[in-house]
């Protein structure tokens, strides 16, 4: 995904959910682009910044445990109980 599309997605996330991390990530990407163009890119500072934004995003959207998939054998047991 190119940065333009990523920025568009982040803007949509922010507009729909008001989760600040999305706007912060968009600002971060624009800052990196600007610093790269001006030759002022500082990888250490950027690394710390992106980790902070990433943590905010993960806190706002925790990973949910996967639901157990039922196998065909499990479904047939349920069918026998019902019939």
PDB file of N, CA and C in Angstrom:
ATOM      1  N   UNK A   1       0.854  -1.163   0.000  1.00  0.00           N
ATOM      2  CA  UNK A   1       0.000   0.000   0.000  1.00  0.00           C
ATOM      3  C   UNK A   1       0.905   1.232   0.000  1.00  0.00           C
ATOM      4  N   UNK A   2       0.603   2.178  -0.866  1.00  0.00           N
ATOM      5  CA  UNK A   2       1.405   3.394  -0.900  1.00  0.00           C
ATOM      6  C   UNK A   2       0.968   4.341   0.222  1.00  0.00           C
ATOM      7  N   UNK A   3       1.812   5.302   0.515  1.00  0.00           N
ATOM      8  CA  UNK A   3       1.542   6.225   1.617  1.00  0.00           C
ATOM      9  C   UNK A   3       0.264   7.031   1.423  1.00  0.00           C
ATOM     10  N   UNK A   4      -0.062   7.378   0.187  1.00  0.00           N
ATOM     11  CA  UNK A   4      -1.287   8.145  -0.054  1.00  0.00           C
ATOM     12  C   UNK A   4      -2.505   7.333   0.380  1.00  0.00           C
ATOM     13  N   UNK A   5      -2.520   6.067   0.002  1.00  0.00           N
ATOM     14  CA  UNK A   5      -3.641   5.213   0.400  1.00  0.00           C
ATOM     15  C   UNK A   5      -3.655   4.981   1.907  1.00  0.00           C
ATOM     16  N   UNK A   6      -2.487   4.809   2.479  1.00  0.00           N
ATOM     17  CA  UNK A   6      -2.392   4.624   3.927  1.00  0.00           C
ATOM     18  C   UNK A   6      -2.894   5.866   4.668  1.00  0.00           C
ATOM     19  N   UNK A   7      -2.501   7.038   4.210  1.00  0.00           N
ATOM     20  CA  UNK A   7      -2.977   8.277   4.828  1.00  0.00           C
ATOM     21  C   UNK A   7      -4.501   8.399   4.712  1.00  0.00           C
ATOM     22  N   UNK A   8      -5.033   8.004   3.571  1.00  0.00           N
ATOM     23  CA  UNK A   8      -6.482   8.044   3.373  1.00  0.00           C
ATOM     24  C   UNK A   8      -7.186   7.098   4.346  1.00  0.00           C
ATOM     25  N   UNK A   9      -6.636   5.907   4.522  1.00  0.00           N
ATOM     26  CA  UNK A   9      -7.215   4.936   5.468  1.00  0.00           C
ATOM     27  C   UNK A   9      -7.140   5.459   6.903  1.00  0.00           C
ATOM     28  N   UNK A  10      -5.995   6.019   7.268  1.00  0.00           N
ATOM     29  CA  UNK A  10      -5.844   6.568   8.617  1.00  0.00           C
ATOM     30  C   UNK A  10      -6.821   7.712   8.863  1.00  0.00           C
ATOM     31  N   UNK A  11      -7.017   8.553   7.865  1.00  0.00           N
ATOM     32  CA  UNK A  11      -7.976   9.645   7.992  1.00  0.00           C
ATOM     33  C   UNK A  11      -9.387   9.085   8.206  1.00  0.00           C
ATOM     34  N   UNK A  12      -9.739   8.044   7.453  1.00  0.00           N
ATOM     35  CA  UNK A  12     -11.052   7.408   7.609  1.00  0.00           C
ATOM     36  C   UNK A  12     -11.233   6.804   8.986  1.00  0.00           C
ATOM     37  N   UNK A  13     -10.196   6.153   9.485  1.00  0.00           N
ATOM     38  CA  UNK A  13     -10.264   5.562  10.832  1.00  0.00           C
ATOM     39  C   UNK A  13     -10.497   6.653  11.867  1.00  0.00           C
ATOM     40  N   UNK A  14      -9.757   7.753  11.732  1.00  0.00           N
ATOM     41  CA  UNK A  14      -9.911   8.836  12.687  1.00  0.00           C
ATOM     42  C   UNK A  14     -11.311   9.447  12.608  1.00  0.00           C
ATOM     43  N   UNK A  15     -11.794   9.680  11.399  1.00  0.00           N
ATOM     44  CA  UNK A  15     -13.123  10.276  11.233  1.00  0.00           C
ATOM     45  C   UNK A  15     -14.226   9.383  11.798  1.00  0.00           C
ATOM     46  N   UNK A  16     -14.100   8.080  11.601  1.00  0.00           N
ATOM     47  CA  UNK A  16     -15.140   7.156  12.061  1.00  0.00           C
ATOM     48  C   UNK A  16     -15.069   6.841  13.550  1.00  0.00           C
ATOM     49  N   UNK A  17     -13.854   6.717  14.070  1.00  0.00           N
ATOM     50  CA  UNK A  17     -13.695   6.223  15.446  1.00  0.00           C
ATOM     51  C   UNK A  17     -13.205   7.271  16.430  1.00  0.00           C
ATOM     52  N   UNK A  18     -12.667   8.365  15.917  1.00  0.00           N
ATOM     53  CA  UNK A  18     -12.065   9.414  16.756  1.00  0.00           C
ATOM     54  C   UNK A  18     -10.882   8.887  17.580  1.00  0.00           C
ATOM     55  N   UNK A  19     -10.263   7.796  17.113  1.00  0.00           N
ATOM     56  CA  UNK A  19      -9.081   7.262  17.786  1.00  0.00           C
ATOM     57  C   UNK A  19      -7.875   8.122  17.380  1.00  0.00           C
ATOM     58  N   UNK A  20      -7.278   8.761  18.368  1.00  0.00           N
ATOM     59  CA  UNK A  20      -6.217   9.725  18.112  1.00  0.00           C
ATOM     60  C   UNK A  20      -4.967   9.110  17.480  1.00  0.00           C
ATOM     61  N   UNK A  21      -4.725   7.829  17.742  1.00  0.00           N
ATOM     62  CA  UNK A  21      -3.522   7.200  17.195  1.00  0.00           C
ATOM     63  C   UNK A  21      -3.506   7.277  15.680  1.00  0.00           C
ATOM     64  N   UNK A  22      -4.675   7.193  15.046  1.00  0.00           N
ATOM     65  CA  UNK A  22      -4.731   7.212  13.581  1.00  0.00           C
ATOM     66  C   UNK A  22      -4.238   8.554  13.048  1.00  0.00           C
ATOM     67  N   UNK A  23      -4.669   9.639  13.678  1.00  0.00           N
ATOM     68  CA  UNK A  23      -4.204  10.969  13.263  1.00  0.00           C
ATOM     69  C   UNK A  23      -2.718  11.132  13.577  1.00  0.00           C
ATOM     70  N   UNK A  24      -2.285  10.611  14.721  1.00  0.00           N
ATOM     71  CA  UNK A  24      -0.872  10.698  15.084  1.00  0.00           C
ATOM     72  C   UNK A  24       0.002   9.929  14.094  1.00  0.00           C
ATOM     73  N   UNK A  25      -0.484   8.775  13.630  1.00  0.00           N
ATOM     74  CA  UNK A  25       0.280   7.998  12.651  1.00  0.00           C
ATOM     75  C   UNK A  25       0.349   8.736  11.317  1.00  0.00           C
ATOM     76  N   UNK A  26      -0.743   9.359  10.915  1.00  0.00           N
ATOM     77  CA  UNK A  26      -0.743  10.143   9.674  1.00  0.00           C
ATOM     78  C   UNK A  26       0.246  11.306   9.794  1.00  0.00           C
ATOM     79  N   UNK A  27       0.209  11.999  10.919  1.00  0.00           N
ATOM     80  CA  UNK A  27       1.153  13.104  11.155  1.00  0.00           C
ATOM     81  C   UNK A  27       2.592  12.597  11.126  1.00  0.00           C
ATOM     82  N   UNK A  28       2.814  11.427  11.711  1.00  0.00           N
ATOM     83  CA  UNK A  28       4.145  10.826  11.736  1.00  0.00           C
ATOM     84  C   UNK A  28       4.644  10.557  10.316  1.00  0.00           C
ATOM     85  N   UNK A  29       3.794   9.956   9.486  1.00  0.00           N
ATOM     86  CA  UNK A  29       4.200   9.646   8.112  1.00  0.00           C
ATOM     87  C   UNK A  29       4.533  10.909   7.326  1.00  0.00           C
ATOM     88  N   UNK A  30       3.740  11.955   7.520  1.00  0.00           N
ATOM     89  CA  UNK A  30       4.022  13.215   6.833  1.00  0.00           C
ATOM     90  C   UNK A  30       5.319  13.851   7.341  1.00  0.00           C
ATOM     91  N   UNK A  31       5.579  13.709   8.643  1.00  0.00           N
ATOM     92  CA  UNK A  31       6.814  14.232   9.231  1.00  0.00           C
ATOM     93  C   UNK A  31       8.029  13.502   8.658  1.00  0.00           C
ATOM     94  N   UNK A  32       7.941  12.185   8.532  1.00  0.00           N
ATOM     95  CA  UNK A  32       9.038  11.394   7.976  1.00  0.00           C
ATOM     96  C   UNK A  32       9.302  11.809   6.529  1.00  0.00           C
ATOM     97  N   UNK A  33       8.231  11.961   5.764  1.00  0.00           N
ATOM     98  CA  UNK A  33       8.382  12.375   4.366  1.00  0.00           C
ATOM     99  C   UNK A  33       9.090  13.728   4.291  1.00  0.00           C
ATOM    100  N   UNK A  34       8.661  14.660   5.118  1.00  0.00           N
ATOM    101  CA  UNK A  34       9.265  15.997   5.122  1.00  0.00           C
ATOM    102  C   UNK A  34      10.736  15.940   5.533  1.00  0.00           C
ATOM    103  N   UNK A  35      11.026  15.163   6.577  1.00  0.00           N
ATOM    104  CA  UNK A  35      12.414  15.066   7.042  1.00  0.00           C
ATOM    105  C   UNK A  35      13.303  14.395   6.004  1.00  0.00           C
ATOM    106  N   UNK A  36      12.760  13.419   5.300  1.00  0.00           N
ATOM    107  CA  UNK A  36      13.551  12.754   4.269  1.00  0.00           C
ATOM    108  C   UNK A  36      13.875  13.739   3.144  1.00  0.00           C
ATOM    109  N   UNK A  37      12.880  14.532   2.766  1.00  0.00           N
ATOM    110  CA  UNK A  37      13.081  15.493   1.679  1.00  0.00           C
ATOM    111  C   UNK A  37      14.071  16.592   2.047  1.00  0.00           C
ATOM    112  N   UNK A  38      14.119  16.972   3.333  1.00  0.00           N
ATOM    113  CA  UNK A  38      15.019  18.051   3.767  1.00  0.00           C
ATOM    114  C   UNK A  38      16.359  17.535   4.286  1.00  0.00           C
ATOM    115  N   UNK A  39      16.514  16.219   4.350  1.00  0.00           N
ATOM    116  CA  UNK A  39      17.763  15.642   4.824  1.00  0.00           C
ATOM    117  C   UNK A  39      17.925  15.673   6.328  1.00  0.00           C
ATOM    118  N   UNK A  40      16.838  15.862   7.064  1.00  0.00           N
ATOM    119  CA  UNK A  40      16.897  15.957   8.525  1.00  0.00           C
ATOM    120  C   UNK A  40      16.399  14.686   9.214  1.00  0.00           C
ATOM    121  N   UNK A  41      16.385  13.595   8.520  1.00  0.00           N
ATOM    122  CA  UNK A  41      15.831  12.347   9.056  1.00  0.00           C
ATOM    123  C   UNK A  41      16.686  11.812  10.205  1.00  0.00           C
ATOM    124  N   UNK A  42      16.061  11.622  11.378  1.00  0.00           N
ATOM    125  CA  UNK A  42      16.731  11.076  12.559  1.00  0.00           C
ATOM    126  C   UNK A  42      16.038   9.771  12.933  1.00  0.00           C
ATOM    127  N   UNK A  43      16.642   8.656  12.553  1.00  0.00           N
ATOM    128  CA  UNK A  43      16.016   7.351  12.714  1.00  0.00           C
ATOM    129  C   UNK A  43      15.727   6.999  14.168  1.00  0.00           C
ATOM    130  N   UNK A  44      16.600   7.383  15.093  1.00  0.00           N
ATOM    131  CA  UNK A  44      16.383   7.052  16.516  1.00  0.00           C
ATOM    132  C   UNK A  44      15.113   7.720  17.044  1.00  0.00           C
ATOM    133  N   UNK A  45      14.956   9.010  16.778  1.00  0.00           N
ATOM    134  CA  UNK A  45      13.778   9.728  17.244  1.00  0.00           C
ATOM    135  C   UNK A  45      12.517   9.181  16.593  1.00  0.00           C
ATOM    136  N   UNK A  46      12.611   8.861  15.311  1.00  0.00           N
ATOM    137  CA  UNK A  46      11.449   8.340  14.598  1.00  0.00           C
ATOM    138  C   UNK A  46      11.047   6.975  15.117  1.00  0.00           C
ATOM    139  N   UNK A  47      12.018   6.154  15.451  1.00  0.00           N
ATOM    140  CA  UNK A  47      11.735   4.823  15.977  1.00  0.00           C
ATOM    141  C   UNK A  47      10.953   4.905  17.277  1.00  0.00           C
ATOM    142  N   UNK A  48      11.359   5.803  18.162  1.00  0.00           N
ATOM    143  CA  UNK A  48      10.655   5.987  19.435  1.00  0.00           C
ATOM    144  C   UNK A  48       9.245   6.499  19.197  1.00  0.00           C
ATOM    145  N   UNK A  49       9.116   7.443  18.299  1.00  0.00           N
ATOM    146  CA  UNK A  49       7.817   8.042  18.001  1.00  0.00           C
ATOM    147  C   UNK A  49       6.847   7.003  17.442  1.00  0.00           C
ATOM    148  N   UNK A  50       7.294   6.201  16.493  1.00  0.00           N
ATOM    149  CA  UNK A  50       6.381   5.220  15.881  1.00  0.00           C
ATOM    150  C   UNK A  50       5.992   4.140  16.887  1.00  0.00           C
ATOM    151  N   UNK A  51       6.898   3.774  17.770  1.00  0.00           N
ATOM    152  CA  UNK A  51       6.551   2.782  18.796  1.00  0.00           C
ATOM    153  C   UNK A  51       5.452   3.308  19.713  1.00  0.00           C
ATOM    154  N   UNK A  52       5.524   4.590  20.092  1.00  0.00           N
ATOM    155  CA  UNK A  52       4.495   5.184  20.945  1.00  0.00           C
ATOM    156  C   UNK A  52       3.133   5.195  20.253  1.00  0.00           C
ATOM    157  N   UNK A  53       3.115   5.566  18.987  1.00  0.00           N
ATOM    158  CA  UNK A  53       1.857   5.597  18.237  1.00  0.00           C
ATOM    159  C   UNK A  53       1.314   4.181  18.072  1.00  0.00           C
ATOM    160  N   UNK A  54       2.200   3.250  17.788  1.00  0.00           N
ATOM    161  CA  UNK A  54       1.800   1.848  17.613  1.00  0.00           C
ATOM    162  C   UNK A  54       1.162   1.306  18.891  1.00  0.00           C
ATOM    163  N   UNK A  55       1.757   1.609  20.025  1.00  0.00           N
ATOM    164  CA  UNK A  55       1.194   1.147  21.297  1.00  0.00           C
ATOM    165  C   UNK A  55      -0.196   1.734  21.543  1.00  0.00           C
ATOM    166  N   UNK A  56      -0.382   2.997  21.203  1.00  0.00           N
ATOM    167  CA  UNK A  56      -1.706   3.612  21.353  1.00  0.00           C
ATOM    168  C   UNK A  56      -2.734   2.904  20.477  1.00  0.00           C
ATOM    169  N   UNK A  57      -2.339   2.583  19.273  1.00  0.00           N
ATOM    170  CA  UNK A  57      -3.235   1.871  18.365  1.00  0.00           C
ATOM    171  C   UNK A  57      -3.591   0.485  18.878  1.00  0.00           C
ATOM    172  N   UNK A  58      -2.598  -0.218  19.406  1.00  0.00           N
ATOM    173  CA  UNK A  58      -2.848  -1.557  19.953  1.00  0.00           C
ATOM    174  C   UNK A  58      -3.731  -1.499  21.192  1.00  0.00           C
ATOM    175  N   UNK A  59      -3.552  -0.473  22.021  1.00  0.00           N
ATOM    176  CA  UNK A  59      -4.393  -0.323  23.211  1.00  0.00           C
ATOM    177  C   UNK A  59      -5.832  -0.012  22.823  1.00  0.00           C
ATOM    178  N   UNK A  60      -6.009   0.764  21.779  1.00  0.00           N
ATOM    179  CA  UNK A  60      -7.351   1.114  21.318  1.00  0.00           C
ATOM    180  C   UNK A  60      -8.042  -0.040  20.607  1.00  0.00           C
ATOM    181  N   UNK A  61      -7.258  -0.971  20.087  1.00  0.00           N
ATOM    182  CA  UNK A  61      -7.797  -2.080  19.291  1.00  0.00           C
ATOM    183  C   UNK A  61      -7.126  -3.387  19.675  1.00  0.00           C
ATOM    184  N   UNK A  62      -7.420  -3.890  20.879  1.00  0.00           N
ATOM    185  CA  UNK A  62      -6.770  -5.132  21.294  1.00  0.00           C
ATOM    186  C   UNK A  62      -7.161  -6.297  20.386  1.00  0.00           C
ATOM    187  N   UNK A  63      -6.236  -7.215  20.244  1.00  0.00           N
ATOM    188  CA  UNK A  63      -6.499  -8.403  19.428  1.00  0.00           C
ATOM    189  C   UNK A  63      -7.430  -9.314  20.203  1.00  0.00           C
ATOM    190  N   UNK A  64      -8.506  -9.682  19.548  1.00  0.00           N
ATOM    191  CA  UNK A  64      -9.474 -10.577  20.181  1.00  0.00           C
ATOM    192  C   UNK A  64      -9.045 -12.019  19.939  1.00  0.00           C
ATOM    193  N   UNK A  65      -9.269 -12.880  20.943  1.00  0.00           N
ATOM    194  CA  UNK A  65      -8.927 -14.286  20.717  1.00  0.00           C
ATOM    195  C   UNK A  65      -9.802 -14.870  19.614  1.00  0.00           C
ATOM    196  N   UNK A  66      -9.215 -15.758  18.838  1.00  0.00           N
ATOM    197  CA  UNK A  66      -9.963 -16.393  17.751  1.00  0.00           C
ATOM    198  C   UNK A  66     -11.028 -17.307  18.332  1.00  0.00           C
ATOM    199  N   UNK A  67     -12.169 -17.296  17.664  1.00  0.00           N
ATOM    200  CA  UNK A  67     -13.231 -18.206  18.078  1.00  0.00           C
ATOM    201  C   UNK A  67     -12.889 -19.603  17.585  1.00  0.00           C
ATOM    202  N   UNK A  68     -13.305 -20.577  18.362  1.00  0.00           N
ATOM    203  CA  UNK A  68     -13.034 -21.964  17.996  1.00  0.00           C
ATOM    204  C   UNK A  68     -13.857 -22.327  16.766  1.00  0.00           C
ATOM    205  N   UNK A  69     -13.182 -22.831  15.766  1.00  0.00           N
ATOM    206  CA  UNK A  69     -13.885 -23.312  14.580  1.00  0.00           C
ATOM    207  C   UNK A  69     -14.440 -24.694  14.861  1.00  0.00           C
ATOM    208  N   UNK A  70     -15.647 -24.891  14.469  1.00  0.00           N
ATOM    209  CA  UNK A  70     -16.222 -26.226  14.660  1.00  0.00           C
ATOM    210  C   UNK A  70     -15.959 -27.054  13.419  1.00  0.00           C
ATOM    211  N   UNK A  71     -15.537 -28.259  13.640  1.00  0.00           N
ATOM    212  CA  UNK A  71     -15.258 -29.160  12.524  1.00  0.00           C
ATOM    213  C   UNK A  71     -16.560 -29.793  12.056  1.00  0.00           C
ATOM    214  N   UNK A  72     -16.501 -30.449  10.926  1.00  0.00           N
ATOM    215  CA  UNK A  72     -17.679 -31.154  10.403  1.00  0.00           C
ATOM    216  C   UNK A  72     -18.132 -32.222  11.392  1.00  0.00           C
ATOM    217  N   UNK A  73     -17.190 -32.871  12.064  1.00  0.00           N
ATOM    218  CA  UNK A  73     -17.547 -33.905  13.047  1.00  0.00           C
ATOM    219  C   UNK A  73     -18.305 -33.282  14.220  1.00  0.00           C
ATOM    220  N   UNK A  74     -17.856 -32.114  14.680  1.00  0.00           N
ATOM    221  CA  UNK A  74     -18.554 -31.425  15.768  1.00  0.00           C
ATOM    222  C   UNK A  74     -19.953 -31.010  15.351  1.00  0.00           C
ATOM    223  N   UNK A  75     -20.093 -30.547  14.117  1.00  0.00           N
ATOM    224  CA  UNK A  75     -21.416 -30.139  13.638  1.00  0.00           C
ATOM    225  C   UNK A  75     -22.338 -31.339  13.530  1.00  0.00           C
ATOM    226  N   UNK A  76     -21.812 -32.489  13.135  1.00  0.00           N
ATOM    227  CA  UNK A  76     -22.667 -33.678  13.023  1.00  0.00           C
ATOM    228  C   UNK A  76     -23.137 -34.135  14.398  1.00  0.00           C
ATOM    229  N   UNK A  77     -22.311 -33.974  15.428  1.00  0.00           N
ATOM    230  CA  UNK A  77     -22.744 -34.323  16.800  1.00  0.00           C
ATOM    231  C   UNK A  77     -23.901 -33.447  17.213  1.00  0.00           C
ATOM    232  N   UNK A  78     -23.821 -32.156  16.876  1.00  0.00           N
ATOM    233  CA  UNK A  78     -24.907 -31.229  17.209  1.00  0.00           C
ATOM    234  C   UNK A  78     -26.165 -31.641  16.446  1.00  0.00           C
ATOM    235  N   UNK A  79     -26.010 -32.017  15.192  1.00  0.00           N
ATOM    236  CA  UNK A  79     -27.160 -32.409  14.373  1.00  0.00           C
ATOM    237  C   UNK A  79     -27.844 -33.646  14.972  1.00  0.00           C
ATOM    238  N   UNK A  80     -27.092 -34.615  15.453  1.00  0.00           N
ATOM    239  CA  UNK A  80     -27.675 -35.823  16.043  1.00  0.00           C
ATOM    240  C   UNK A  80     -28.441 -35.493  17.318  1.00  0.00           C
ATOM    241  N   UNK A  81     -27.952 -34.541  18.078  1.00  0.00           N
ATOM    242  CA  UNK A  81     -28.639 -34.135  19.305  1.00  0.00           C
ATOM    243  C   UNK A  81     -29.956 -33.457  18.953  1.00  0.00           C
ATOM    244  N   UNK A  82     -29.955 -32.657  17.901  1.00  0.00           N
ATOM    245  CA  UNK A  82     -31.162 -31.918  17.516  1.00  0.00           C
ATOM    246  C   UNK A  82     -32.204 -32.860  16.940  1.00  0.00           C
ATOM    247  N   UNK A  83     -31.808 -33.833  16.128  1.00  0.00           N
ATOM    248  CA  UNK A  83     -32.773 -34.688  15.436  1.00  0.00           C
ATOM    249  C   UNK A  83     -33.240 -35.824  16.264  1.00  0.00           C
TER     250      UNK A  83
END
